[in-house]
Amino acid sequence: MTDSIKQPYGIVHGGINAILAETAASLGANANLDEAHAAVGVDIAIHHLAAVAEGTIVATATPVKIGRRLQVWEVTTAVADSVTSFSTVTLMAQPK
């Protein structure tokens, strides 16, 4: 982890949780679409649960609903065994 993703007082910027959550959900959503479509973000809600100053942040996405047009995913970020954020990400299937 580098200082470039941290706020001036040494903890990871909350926007990093958003990037990780949408990336993880998008990877899962696109794996459930055909080659003619791509998943694009529609909404994201993030709950920051613990500050992170060091370590490796791992994002894990789990589908809540995989529909024809919309998909909803839950994403947790964690450092070691400590959950640091919880997000709900909604994505929409768009023609490429």
C-alpha atoms as a PDB file:
ATOM      1  CA  MET A   1       0.000   0.000   0.000  1.00  0.00           C
ATOM      2  CA  THR A   2       1.386   3.393  -0.939  1.00  0.00           C
ATOM      3  CA  ASP A   3       0.817   6.844   0.494  1.00  0.00           C
ATOM      4  CA  SER A   4      -0.749   7.894  -2.824  1.00  0.00           C
ATOM      5  CA  ILE A   5      -4.066   6.251  -1.815  1.00  0.00           C
ATOM      6  CA  LYS A   6      -4.068   7.677   1.706  1.00  0.00           C
ATOM      7  CA  GLN A   7      -5.582  10.826   3.146  1.00  0.00           C
ATOM      8  CA  PRO A   8      -3.124  13.370   4.608  1.00  0.00           C
ATOM      9  CA  TYR A   9      -3.474  11.810   8.072  1.00  0.00           C
ATOM     10  CA  GLY A  10      -2.383   8.332   6.968  1.00  0.00           C
ATOM     11  CA  ILE A  11      -5.537   6.270   6.339  1.00  0.00           C
ATOM     12  CA  VAL A  12      -6.800   4.941   3.024  1.00  0.00           C
ATOM     13  CA  HIS A  13      -9.161   7.324   1.245  1.00  0.00           C
ATOM     14  CA  GLY A  14     -12.777   6.096   1.233  1.00  0.00           C
ATOM     15  CA  GLY A  15     -12.888   6.442  -2.547  1.00  0.00           C
ATOM     16  CA  ILE A  16     -10.554   3.457  -2.761  1.00  0.00           C
ATOM     17  CA  ASN A  17     -13.346   1.342  -1.236  1.00  0.00           C
ATOM     18  CA  ALA A  18     -15.659   2.561  -4.007  1.00  0.00           C
ATOM     19  CA  ILE A  19     -13.143   1.701  -6.716  1.00  0.00           C
ATOM     20  CA  LEU A  20     -12.582  -1.771  -5.295  1.00  0.00           C
ATOM     21  CA  ALA A  21     -16.316  -2.422  -4.803  1.00  0.00           C
ATOM     22  CA  GLU A  22     -17.355  -1.364  -8.292  1.00  0.00           C
ATOM     23  CA  THR A  23     -14.449  -3.232  -9.871  1.00  0.00           C
ATOM     24  CA  ALA A  24     -15.222  -6.475  -8.032  1.00  0.00           C
ATOM     25  CA  ALA A  25     -18.961  -6.235  -8.766  1.00  0.00           C
ATOM     26  CA  SER A  26     -18.317  -5.367 -12.423  1.00  0.00           C
ATOM     27  CA  LEU A  27     -16.048  -8.376 -12.882  1.00  0.00           C
ATOM     28  CA  GLY A  28     -18.753 -10.638 -11.464  1.00  0.00           C
ATOM     29  CA  ALA A  29     -21.538  -8.984 -13.423  1.00  0.00           C
ATOM     30  CA  ASN A  30     -19.675  -9.156 -16.730  1.00  0.00           C
ATOM     31  CA  ALA A  31     -18.972 -12.847 -16.156  1.00  0.00           C
ATOM     32  CA  ASN A  32     -22.761 -13.333 -16.170  1.00  0.00           C
ATOM     33  CA  LEU A  33     -23.377 -11.481 -19.447  1.00  0.00           C
ATOM     34  CA  ASP A  34     -23.022 -12.504 -23.070  1.00  0.00           C
ATOM     35  CA  GLU A  35     -20.358 -11.011 -25.332  1.00  0.00           C
ATOM     36  CA  ALA A  36     -22.798  -8.437 -26.750  1.00  0.00           C
ATOM     37  CA  HIS A  37     -23.320  -6.686 -23.401  1.00  0.00           C
ATOM     38  CA  ALA A  38     -21.262  -4.946 -20.724  1.00  0.00           C
ATOM     39  CA  ALA A  39     -22.182  -4.157 -17.127  1.00  0.00           C
ATOM     40  CA  VAL A  40     -22.090  -0.480 -16.157  1.00  0.00           C
ATOM     41  CA  GLY A  41     -22.504   0.959 -12.679  1.00  0.00           C
ATOM     42  CA  VAL A  42     -25.867   2.498 -11.771  1.00  0.00           C
ATOM     43  CA  ASP A  43     -25.607   2.928  -8.000  1.00  0.00           C
ATOM     44  CA  ILE A  44     -23.192   2.265  -5.172  1.00  0.00           C
ATOM     45  CA  ALA A  45     -23.726   2.581  -1.416  1.00  0.00           C
ATOM     46  CA  ILE A  46     -20.700   2.204   0.843  1.00  0.00           C
ATOM     47  CA  HIS A  47     -20.455   1.772   4.590  1.00  0.00           C
ATOM     48  CA  HIS A  48     -16.940   2.425   5.886  1.00  0.00           C
ATOM     49  CA  LEU A  49     -16.518   0.200   8.921  1.00  0.00           C
ATOM     50  CA  ALA A  50     -12.851   0.499   9.867  1.00  0.00           C
ATOM     51  CA  ALA A  51      -9.930   2.707   8.931  1.00  0.00           C
ATOM     52  CA  VAL A  52      -7.041   1.136   7.021  1.00  0.00           C
ATOM     53  CA  ALA A  53      -3.490   2.408   7.330  1.00  0.00           C
ATOM     54  CA  GLU A  54      -1.534  -0.644   6.163  1.00  0.00           C
ATOM     55  CA  GLY A  55      -1.958  -4.132   4.769  1.00  0.00           C
ATOM     56  CA  THR A  56      -3.532  -5.629   1.669  1.00  0.00           C
ATOM     57  CA  ILE A  57      -7.176  -4.769   0.982  1.00  0.00           C
ATOM     58  CA  VAL A  58      -9.159  -7.633  -0.564  1.00  0.00           C
ATOM     59  CA  ALA A  59     -12.583  -7.060  -2.163  1.00  0.00           C
ATOM     60  CA  THR A  60     -15.053  -9.952  -2.329  1.00  0.00           C
ATOM     61  CA  ALA A  61     -18.226  -9.635  -4.424  1.00  0.00           C
ATOM     62  CA  THR A  62     -21.297 -11.824  -3.926  1.00  0.00           C
ATOM     63  CA  PRO A  63     -24.377 -11.642  -6.168  1.00  0.00           C
ATOM     64  CA  VAL A  64     -27.665 -10.674  -4.548  1.00  0.00           C
ATOM     65  CA  LYS A  65     -29.738 -10.643  -7.743  1.00  0.00           C
ATOM     66  CA  ILE A  66     -28.716 -11.391 -11.313  1.00  0.00           C
ATOM     67  CA  GLY A  67     -31.502 -10.243 -13.586  1.00  0.00           C
ATOM     68  CA  ARG A  68     -31.769  -9.752 -17.326  1.00  0.00           C
ATOM     69  CA  ARG A  69     -31.014  -6.016 -17.189  1.00  0.00           C
ATOM     70  CA  LEU A  70     -29.974  -5.287 -13.595  1.00  0.00           C
ATOM     71  CA  GLN A  71     -27.603  -7.012 -11.225  1.00  0.00           C
ATOM     72  CA  VAL A  72     -27.108  -6.246  -7.527  1.00  0.00           C
ATOM     73  CA  TRP A  73     -23.930  -7.272  -5.735  1.00  0.00           C
ATOM     74  CA  GLU A  74     -22.736  -7.104  -2.127  1.00  0.00           C
ATOM     75  CA  VAL A  75     -19.049  -6.337  -1.769  1.00  0.00           C
ATOM     76  CA  THR A  76     -16.948  -6.501   1.373  1.00  0.00           C
ATOM     77  CA  THR A  77     -13.410  -5.213   1.659  1.00  0.00           C
ATOM     78  CA  ALA A  78     -11.148  -6.652   4.296  1.00  0.00           C
ATOM     79  CA  VAL A  79      -7.601  -6.548   5.584  1.00  0.00           C
ATOM     80  CA  ALA A  80      -6.657  -9.963   6.919  1.00  0.00           C
ATOM     81  CA  ASP A  81      -9.795 -11.115   8.787  1.00  0.00           C
ATOM     82  CA  SER A  82     -11.105  -7.615   9.524  1.00  0.00           C
ATOM     83  CA  VAL A  83     -13.949  -6.282   7.355  1.00  0.00           C
ATOM     84  CA  THR A  84     -13.250  -2.641   6.550  1.00  0.00           C
ATOM     85  CA  SER A  85     -16.214  -1.738   4.328  1.00  0.00           C
ATOM     86  CA  PHE A  86     -19.504  -3.117   3.050  1.00  0.00           C
ATOM     87  CA  SER A  87     -21.044  -1.983  -0.242  1.00  0.00           C
ATOM     88  CA  THR A  88     -24.077  -2.628  -2.384  1.00  0.00           C
ATOM     89  CA  VAL A  89     -23.432  -2.152  -6.098  1.00  0.00           C
ATOM     90  CA  THR A  90     -26.136  -2.094  -8.786  1.00  0.00           C
ATOM     91  CA  LEU A  91     -25.133  -2.572 -12.418  1.00  0.00           C
ATOM     92  CA  MET A  92     -27.066  -2.493 -15.682  1.00  0.00           C
ATOM     93  CA  ALA A  93     -26.452  -4.578 -18.802  1.00  0.00           C
ATOM     94  CA  GLN A  94     -25.819  -2.287 -21.781  1.00  0.00           C
ATOM     95  CA  PRO A  95     -25.242  -3.306 -25.398  1.00  0.00           C
ATOM     96  CA  LYS A  96     -21.595  -2.802 -26.363  1.00  0.00           C
END
